[in-house]
Amino acid sequence: MFYRRRDPLEGSALPTVGVGLSILRVATGFVFFMHGYQKLVTDGIADTEQFFSRVGAPLPEYTASLVTYAELIGGIMLLIGMLTQLVAAVLFIDMAAAFFIVHFENGFFVTENGYELVFLLGGAALAVMLTGPGSYSVDNALPGTRIGRRR
């Protein structure tokens, strides 16, 4: 699956690339965690479901919980770098859905409920999915999952 390919940093001229990827992963994970936390604790699942229904999300009674826990748990998993590329793929899909279902029609800027933030988060998730967790992660501590770590 994601963890059986060649290390993308192998032979890199910049030894800081792995550190940079770790920073990107941690920052992205923290933002996703906070958005999941907001949906679960601040707004609550019921209000999140009502919002999903209002914006036309499919099956809001299910997708509200699915998205909330994907962002909350996925954010934690990105923070620590566990199953990084799989989790990043799930969060990329989450942001792609948010982009098309909610934000695209509102234009770019987040102040107008535009796609600025979901575009950035989706891009960050896609970058992490394609490159791996960086130098410092749980994935690198587990056998058979050493993508993104300099050998």
N, C-alpha and C. Protein backbone atom coordinates (compact mmCIF):
# COMPACT_ATOMS: atom_id res chain seq x y z
N MET A 1 0.84 -1.18 0.00
CA MET A 1 0.00 0.00 0.00
C MET A 1 0.88 1.24 0.00
N PHE A 2 0.77 2.15 0.92
CA PHE A 2 1.53 3.38 0.92
C PHE A 2 2.98 3.20 1.38
N TYR A 3 3.25 2.22 2.23
CA TYR A 3 4.53 2.15 2.91
C TYR A 3 5.56 1.26 2.25
N ARG A 4 5.31 0.72 1.08
CA ARG A 4 6.22 -0.21 0.44
C ARG A 4 6.99 0.41 -0.72
N ARG A 5 7.07 1.70 -0.79
CA ARG A 5 7.79 2.29 -1.90
C ARG A 5 9.10 2.91 -1.44
N ARG A 6 9.90 3.32 -2.38
CA ARG A 6 11.21 3.89 -2.11
C ARG A 6 11.09 5.17 -1.30
N ASP A 7 12.05 5.39 -0.43
CA ASP A 7 12.11 6.59 0.40
C ASP A 7 12.26 7.82 -0.49
N PRO A 8 11.29 8.77 -0.48
CA PRO A 8 11.38 9.92 -1.38
C PRO A 8 12.52 10.87 -1.01
N LEU A 9 13.08 10.72 0.18
CA LEU A 9 14.16 11.61 0.60
C LEU A 9 15.54 11.01 0.37
N GLU A 10 15.57 9.78 -0.09
CA GLU A 10 16.86 9.12 -0.31
C GLU A 10 17.68 9.90 -1.32
N GLY A 11 18.87 10.25 -0.93
CA GLY A 11 19.74 11.00 -1.81
C GLY A 11 19.44 12.49 -1.87
N SER A 12 18.55 12.97 -1.02
CA SER A 12 18.20 14.38 -1.02
C SER A 12 19.42 15.23 -0.67
N ALA A 13 19.58 16.32 -1.38
CA ALA A 13 20.70 17.22 -1.12
C ALA A 13 20.47 18.05 0.14
N LEU A 14 19.24 18.10 0.59
CA LEU A 14 18.91 18.92 1.76
C LEU A 14 18.54 18.02 2.95
N PRO A 15 19.40 17.94 3.95
CA PRO A 15 19.09 17.09 5.10
C PRO A 15 17.92 17.61 5.92
N THR A 16 17.52 18.85 5.70
CA THR A 16 16.41 19.42 6.47
C THR A 16 15.04 19.10 5.87
N VAL A 17 15.00 18.44 4.72
CA VAL A 17 13.72 18.13 4.09
C VAL A 17 12.85 17.28 5.01
N GLY A 18 13.43 16.27 5.64
CA GLY A 18 12.67 15.41 6.55
C GLY A 18 12.13 16.16 7.74
N VAL A 19 12.89 17.12 8.24
CA VAL A 19 12.42 17.96 9.34
C VAL A 19 11.28 18.85 8.87
N GLY A 20 11.43 19.43 7.68
CA GLY A 20 10.38 20.26 7.11
C GLY A 20 9.08 19.51 6.90
N LEU A 21 9.18 18.28 6.43
CA LEU A 21 7.98 17.45 6.26
C LEU A 21 7.33 17.13 7.60
N SER A 22 8.15 16.90 8.62
CA SER A 22 7.61 16.66 9.96
C SER A 22 6.85 17.88 10.46
N ILE A 23 7.40 19.07 10.24
CA ILE A 23 6.73 20.30 10.66
C ILE A 23 5.41 20.47 9.92
N LEU A 24 5.41 20.24 8.61
CA LEU A 24 4.18 20.32 7.83
C LEU A 24 3.14 19.35 8.36
N ARG A 25 3.55 18.11 8.64
CA ARG A 25 2.63 17.08 9.14
C ARG A 25 2.05 17.48 10.49
N VAL A 26 2.88 17.94 11.40
CA VAL A 26 2.41 18.30 12.75
C VAL A 26 1.46 19.50 12.69
N ALA A 27 1.82 20.53 11.94
CA ALA A 27 0.96 21.71 11.83
C ALA A 27 -0.39 21.35 11.21
N THR A 28 -0.36 20.55 10.16
CA THR A 28 -1.60 20.12 9.50
C THR A 28 -2.44 19.28 10.44
N GLY A 29 -1.80 18.35 11.15
CA GLY A 29 -2.52 17.52 12.10
C GLY A 29 -3.18 18.33 13.20
N PHE A 30 -2.48 19.35 13.70
CA PHE A 30 -3.04 20.17 14.76
C PHE A 30 -4.29 20.92 14.28
N VAL A 31 -4.24 21.47 13.07
CA VAL A 31 -5.40 22.20 12.54
C VAL A 31 -6.58 21.25 12.35
N PHE A 32 -6.33 20.07 11.80
CA PHE A 32 -7.42 19.10 11.64
C PHE A 32 -7.99 18.68 12.99
N PHE A 33 -7.12 18.43 13.96
CA PHE A 33 -7.59 18.07 15.30
C PHE A 33 -8.50 19.16 15.87
N MET A 34 -8.08 20.40 15.76
CA MET A 34 -8.87 21.49 16.31
C MET A 34 -10.23 21.62 15.61
N HIS A 35 -10.27 21.37 14.31
CA HIS A 35 -11.55 21.43 13.60
C HIS A 35 -12.46 20.27 14.01
N GLY A 36 -11.90 19.09 14.22
CA GLY A 36 -12.69 17.98 14.73
C GLY A 36 -13.19 18.24 16.14
N TYR A 37 -12.32 18.81 16.96
CA TYR A 37 -12.69 19.17 18.34
C TYR A 37 -13.83 20.19 18.33
N GLN A 38 -13.74 21.17 17.46
CA GLN A 38 -14.79 22.18 17.35
C GLN A 38 -16.12 21.54 16.98
N LYS A 39 -16.11 20.63 16.02
CA LYS A 39 -17.34 19.97 15.60
C LYS A 39 -17.93 19.11 16.71
N LEU A 40 -17.06 18.46 17.49
CA LEU A 40 -17.52 17.55 18.54
C LEU A 40 -17.91 18.28 19.82
N VAL A 41 -17.05 19.18 20.29
CA VAL A 41 -17.21 19.77 21.62
C VAL A 41 -17.85 21.16 21.58
N THR A 42 -17.33 22.04 20.76
CA THR A 42 -17.82 23.42 20.72
C THR A 42 -19.20 23.49 20.08
N ASP A 43 -19.32 22.98 18.86
CA ASP A 43 -20.60 23.03 18.15
C ASP A 43 -21.50 21.86 18.53
N GLY A 44 -20.92 20.69 18.70
CA GLY A 44 -21.69 19.48 18.96
C GLY A 44 -22.07 18.79 17.66
N ILE A 45 -22.21 17.50 17.73
CA ILE A 45 -22.56 16.71 16.54
C ILE A 45 -23.91 17.13 15.97
N ALA A 46 -24.88 17.43 16.84
CA ALA A 46 -26.22 17.80 16.36
C ALA A 46 -26.17 19.07 15.51
N ASP A 47 -25.43 20.08 15.97
CA ASP A 47 -25.30 21.31 15.19
C ASP A 47 -24.49 21.08 13.92
N THR A 48 -23.48 20.24 14.01
CA THR A 48 -22.69 19.90 12.82
C THR A 48 -23.58 19.20 11.80
N GLU A 49 -24.42 18.31 12.26
CA GLU A 49 -25.36 17.62 11.36
C GLU A 49 -26.32 18.60 10.72
N GLN A 50 -26.83 19.54 11.49
CA GLN A 50 -27.74 20.56 10.93
C GLN A 50 -27.02 21.40 9.87
N PHE A 51 -25.77 21.77 10.15
CA PHE A 51 -25.00 22.53 9.17
C PHE A 51 -24.79 21.71 7.90
N PHE A 52 -24.42 20.45 8.05
CA PHE A 52 -24.20 19.58 6.89
C PHE A 52 -25.48 19.47 6.07
N SER A 53 -26.61 19.37 6.74
CA SER A 53 -27.90 19.28 6.05
C SER A 53 -28.18 20.58 5.29
N ARG A 54 -27.91 21.71 5.91
CA ARG A 54 -28.17 23.02 5.32
C ARG A 54 -27.33 23.25 4.06
N VAL A 55 -26.09 22.76 4.06
CA VAL A 55 -25.21 23.00 2.89
C VAL A 55 -25.33 21.92 1.83
N GLY A 56 -26.15 20.91 2.09
CA GLY A 56 -26.39 19.88 1.08
C GLY A 56 -25.42 18.71 1.10
N ALA A 57 -24.75 18.49 2.22
CA ALA A 57 -23.86 17.32 2.33
C ALA A 57 -24.71 16.05 2.28
N PRO A 58 -24.23 15.03 1.59
CA PRO A 58 -25.00 13.79 1.52
C PRO A 58 -25.05 13.08 2.88
N LEU A 59 -26.19 12.52 3.19
CA LEU A 59 -26.40 11.75 4.42
C LEU A 59 -25.84 12.46 5.66
N PRO A 60 -26.29 13.66 5.95
CA PRO A 60 -25.69 14.45 7.04
C PRO A 60 -25.75 13.76 8.40
N GLU A 61 -26.75 12.89 8.60
CA GLU A 61 -26.84 12.17 9.88
C GLU A 61 -25.66 11.22 10.08
N TYR A 62 -25.00 10.83 9.00
CA TYR A 62 -23.82 9.97 9.09
C TYR A 62 -22.52 10.75 8.84
N THR A 63 -22.56 11.61 7.82
CA THR A 63 -21.32 12.29 7.44
C THR A 63 -20.85 13.29 8.50
N ALA A 64 -21.77 13.85 9.28
CA ALA A 64 -21.34 14.79 10.34
C ALA A 64 -20.43 14.08 11.34
N SER A 65 -20.84 12.90 11.78
CA SER A 65 -20.01 12.14 12.71
C SER A 65 -18.74 11.63 12.02
N LEU A 66 -18.87 11.16 10.81
CA LEU A 66 -17.72 10.63 10.08
C LEU A 66 -16.64 11.70 9.91
N VAL A 67 -17.04 12.87 9.47
CA VAL A 67 -16.08 13.96 9.27
C VAL A 67 -15.50 14.43 10.59
N THR A 68 -16.35 14.55 11.62
CA THR A 68 -15.89 15.00 12.93
C THR A 68 -14.79 14.08 13.46
N TYR A 69 -15.05 12.78 13.45
CA TYR A 69 -14.07 11.84 14.00
C TYR A 69 -12.86 11.66 13.07
N ALA A 70 -13.07 11.79 11.76
CA ALA A 70 -11.93 11.73 10.84
C ALA A 70 -10.97 12.88 11.13
N GLU A 71 -11.51 14.07 11.35
CA GLU A 71 -10.66 15.22 11.62
C GLU A 71 -10.05 15.15 13.02
N LEU A 72 -10.82 14.73 14.01
CA LEU A 72 -10.32 14.65 15.38
C LEU A 72 -9.26 13.57 15.52
N ILE A 73 -9.59 12.35 15.16
CA ILE A 73 -8.66 11.22 15.31
C ILE A 73 -7.56 11.30 14.25
N GLY A 74 -7.94 11.66 13.03
CA GLY A 74 -6.94 11.82 11.97
C GLY A 74 -5.93 12.91 12.31
N GLY A 75 -6.40 13.98 12.92
CA GLY A 75 -5.51 15.05 13.33
C GLY A 75 -4.49 14.56 14.35
N ILE A 76 -4.95 13.79 15.33
CA ILE A 76 -4.03 13.22 16.33
C ILE A 76 -3.03 12.29 15.66
N MET A 77 -3.52 11.45 14.75
CA MET A 77 -2.63 10.50 14.08
C MET A 77 -1.59 11.23 13.21
N LEU A 78 -1.99 12.33 12.57
CA LEU A 78 -0.99 13.11 11.83
C LEU A 78 0.00 13.75 12.79
N LEU A 79 -0.49 14.27 13.90
CA LEU A 79 0.41 14.90 14.88
C LEU A 79 1.53 13.96 15.29
N ILE A 80 1.20 12.71 15.56
CA ILE A 80 2.22 11.77 16.01
C ILE A 80 2.86 11.01 14.85
N GLY A 81 2.29 11.13 13.67
CA GLY A 81 2.86 10.47 12.50
C GLY A 81 2.58 8.98 12.47
N MET A 82 1.34 8.61 12.73
CA MET A 82 0.95 7.20 12.75
C MET A 82 0.00 6.91 11.58
N LEU A 83 0.36 5.92 10.75
CA LEU A 83 -0.37 5.61 9.52
C LEU A 83 -0.55 6.89 8.69
N THR A 84 0.50 7.64 8.64
CA THR A 84 0.48 9.00 8.11
C THR A 84 -0.12 9.12 6.73
N GLN A 85 0.34 8.33 5.79
CA GLN A 85 -0.11 8.51 4.41
C GLN A 85 -1.56 8.08 4.22
N LEU A 86 -1.99 7.06 4.91
CA LEU A 86 -3.39 6.64 4.84
C LEU A 86 -4.29 7.71 5.44
N VAL A 87 -3.93 8.20 6.61
CA VAL A 87 -4.72 9.25 7.28
C VAL A 87 -4.74 10.51 6.42
N ALA A 88 -3.60 10.89 5.85
CA ALA A 88 -3.55 12.08 5.00
C ALA A 88 -4.46 11.92 3.79
N ALA A 89 -4.56 10.72 3.24
CA ALA A 89 -5.46 10.47 2.10
C ALA A 89 -6.92 10.69 2.51
N VAL A 90 -7.28 10.19 3.69
CA VAL A 90 -8.65 10.37 4.19
C VAL A 90 -8.95 11.86 4.38
N LEU A 91 -8.01 12.58 4.96
CA LEU A 91 -8.22 14.01 5.21
C LEU A 91 -8.22 14.82 3.92
N PHE A 92 -7.45 14.38 2.92
CA PHE A 92 -7.50 15.03 1.61
C PHE A 92 -8.90 14.88 1.01
N ILE A 93 -9.47 13.68 1.10
CA ILE A 93 -10.82 13.44 0.58
C ILE A 93 -11.83 14.31 1.33
N ASP A 94 -11.66 14.42 2.64
CA ASP A 94 -12.51 15.28 3.48
C ASP A 94 -12.47 16.72 2.95
N MET A 95 -11.28 17.24 2.67
CA MET A 95 -11.16 18.61 2.20
C MET A 95 -11.66 18.77 0.77
N ALA A 96 -11.48 17.76 -0.06
CA ALA A 96 -12.02 17.83 -1.43
C ALA A 96 -13.55 17.92 -1.39
N ALA A 97 -14.16 17.13 -0.51
CA ALA A 97 -15.63 17.19 -0.37
C ALA A 97 -16.06 18.56 0.15
N ALA A 98 -15.36 19.09 1.16
CA ALA A 98 -15.69 20.41 1.69
C ALA A 98 -15.53 21.48 0.60
N PHE A 99 -14.49 21.35 -0.19
CA PHE A 99 -14.23 22.29 -1.28
C PHE A 99 -15.42 22.36 -2.23
N PHE A 100 -15.86 21.20 -2.71
CA PHE A 100 -16.91 21.17 -3.72
C PHE A 100 -18.31 21.35 -3.15
N ILE A 101 -18.58 20.80 -1.99
CA ILE A 101 -19.94 20.85 -1.43
C ILE A 101 -20.24 22.20 -0.79
N VAL A 102 -19.26 22.79 -0.12
CA VAL A 102 -19.53 23.98 0.70
C VAL A 102 -18.87 25.24 0.16
N HIS A 103 -17.60 25.20 -0.14
CA HIS A 103 -16.83 26.44 -0.25
C HIS A 103 -16.60 26.99 -1.66
N PHE A 104 -16.55 26.16 -2.67
CA PHE A 104 -16.15 26.60 -4.00
C PHE A 104 -17.02 27.75 -4.52
N GLU A 105 -18.31 27.63 -4.37
CA GLU A 105 -19.24 28.64 -4.90
C GLU A 105 -19.11 30.00 -4.21
N ASN A 106 -18.42 30.03 -3.06
CA ASN A 106 -18.28 31.28 -2.31
C ASN A 106 -17.01 32.05 -2.67
N GLY A 107 -16.24 31.55 -3.61
CA GLY A 107 -15.01 32.22 -3.99
C GLY A 107 -13.84 31.81 -3.10
N PHE A 108 -12.76 32.53 -3.21
CA PHE A 108 -11.51 32.13 -2.56
C PHE A 108 -11.45 32.44 -1.07
N PHE A 109 -11.78 33.63 -0.66
CA PHE A 109 -11.44 34.10 0.68
C PHE A 109 -12.29 33.48 1.78
N VAL A 110 -11.61 33.08 2.85
CA VAL A 110 -12.26 32.43 3.98
C VAL A 110 -13.25 33.37 4.67
N THR A 111 -13.02 34.67 4.59
CA THR A 111 -13.94 35.64 5.21
C THR A 111 -15.31 35.62 4.56
N GLU A 112 -15.39 35.08 3.35
CA GLU A 112 -16.67 34.94 2.64
C GLU A 112 -17.10 33.48 2.60
N ASN A 113 -16.55 32.65 3.51
CA ASN A 113 -16.79 31.21 3.54
C ASN A 113 -16.28 30.53 2.27
N GLY A 114 -15.21 31.11 1.71
CA GLY A 114 -14.61 30.58 0.49
C GLY A 114 -13.69 29.41 0.77
N TYR A 115 -13.00 28.97 -0.25
CA TYR A 115 -12.23 27.73 -0.19
C TYR A 115 -10.78 27.90 0.24
N GLU A 116 -10.37 29.10 0.62
CA GLU A 116 -8.99 29.38 0.99
C GLU A 116 -8.41 28.36 1.98
N LEU A 117 -9.06 28.13 3.10
CA LEU A 117 -8.54 27.23 4.13
C LEU A 117 -8.61 25.76 3.69
N VAL A 118 -9.72 25.34 3.11
CA VAL A 118 -9.81 23.92 2.71
C VAL A 118 -8.85 23.62 1.56
N PHE A 119 -8.57 24.60 0.72
CA PHE A 119 -7.59 24.43 -0.35
C PHE A 119 -6.20 24.22 0.25
N LEU A 120 -5.85 25.03 1.23
CA LEU A 120 -4.55 24.91 1.89
C LEU A 120 -4.44 23.60 2.66
N LEU A 121 -5.46 23.25 3.43
CA LEU A 121 -5.43 21.99 4.19
C LEU A 121 -5.44 20.77 3.27
N GLY A 122 -6.21 20.84 2.20
CA GLY A 122 -6.21 19.74 1.23
C GLY A 122 -4.86 19.59 0.57
N GLY A 123 -4.24 20.70 0.22
CA GLY A 123 -2.91 20.65 -0.37
C GLY A 123 -1.87 20.11 0.59
N ALA A 124 -1.96 20.51 1.85
CA ALA A 124 -1.02 20.01 2.86
C ALA A 124 -1.23 18.51 3.07
N ALA A 125 -2.48 18.08 3.15
CA ALA A 125 -2.76 16.64 3.32
C ALA A 125 -2.25 15.85 2.12
N LEU A 126 -2.45 16.38 0.92
CA LEU A 126 -1.97 15.70 -0.28
C LEU A 126 -0.44 15.63 -0.29
N ALA A 127 0.22 16.70 0.10
CA ALA A 127 1.69 16.70 0.16
C ALA A 127 2.20 15.65 1.14
N VAL A 128 1.57 15.58 2.31
CA VAL A 128 1.97 14.58 3.31
C VAL A 128 1.69 13.17 2.80
N MET A 129 0.55 13.00 2.13
CA MET A 129 0.22 11.69 1.57
C MET A 129 1.27 11.24 0.55
N LEU A 130 1.73 12.15 -0.27
CA LEU A 130 2.69 11.82 -1.33
C LEU A 130 4.12 11.66 -0.84
N THR A 131 4.50 12.37 0.22
CA THR A 131 5.90 12.38 0.64
C THR A 131 6.18 11.56 1.88
N GLY A 132 5.18 11.30 2.70
CA GLY A 132 5.39 10.56 3.94
C GLY A 132 5.49 11.48 5.14
N PRO A 133 5.77 10.90 6.30
CA PRO A 133 5.65 11.62 7.57
C PRO A 133 6.80 12.55 7.91
N GLY A 134 7.90 12.50 7.20
CA GLY A 134 9.07 13.27 7.58
C GLY A 134 9.96 12.46 8.51
N SER A 135 10.94 13.11 9.09
CA SER A 135 11.96 12.41 9.88
C SER A 135 11.49 11.90 11.23
N TYR A 136 10.58 12.60 11.85
CA TYR A 136 10.19 12.29 13.22
C TYR A 136 8.73 11.87 13.29
N SER A 137 8.49 10.56 13.46
CA SER A 137 7.11 10.05 13.48
C SER A 137 7.07 8.65 14.08
N VAL A 138 5.89 8.27 14.50
CA VAL A 138 5.68 6.89 14.96
C VAL A 138 5.92 5.93 13.81
N ASP A 139 5.49 6.31 12.61
CA ASP A 139 5.70 5.45 11.45
C ASP A 139 7.17 5.06 11.30
N ASN A 140 8.05 5.97 11.55
CA ASN A 140 9.48 5.69 11.40
C ASN A 140 10.03 4.81 12.51
N ALA A 141 9.31 4.73 13.62
CA ALA A 141 9.74 3.88 14.73
C ALA A 141 9.24 2.44 14.58
N LEU A 142 8.28 2.22 13.68
CA LEU A 142 7.70 0.90 13.48
C LEU A 142 8.38 0.19 12.32
N PRO A 143 8.64 -1.10 12.45
CA PRO A 143 9.29 -1.84 11.34
C PRO A 143 8.41 -1.85 10.09
N GLY A 144 9.04 -1.69 8.94
CA GLY A 144 8.34 -1.78 7.66
C GLY A 144 7.60 -0.53 7.27
N THR A 145 7.75 0.56 8.02
CA THR A 145 7.02 1.78 7.68
C THR A 145 7.95 2.99 7.61
N ARG A 146 9.16 2.82 7.18
CA ARG A 146 10.14 3.90 7.24
C ARG A 146 10.18 4.77 5.98
N ILE A 147 9.05 5.33 5.63
CA ILE A 147 8.99 6.28 4.51
C ILE A 147 9.20 7.68 5.08
N GLY A 148 9.96 8.49 4.40
CA GLY A 148 10.18 9.85 4.83
C GLY A 148 11.30 10.00 5.84
N ARG A 149 12.04 8.93 6.11
CA ARG A 149 13.13 9.00 7.09
C ARG A 149 14.45 8.74 6.38
N ARG A 150 15.41 9.55 6.67
CA ARG A 150 16.73 9.34 6.08
C ARG A 150 17.37 8.14 6.75
N ARG A 151 17.96 7.27 5.97
CA ARG A 151 18.59 6.06 6.50
C ARG A 151 20.01 6.31 6.85
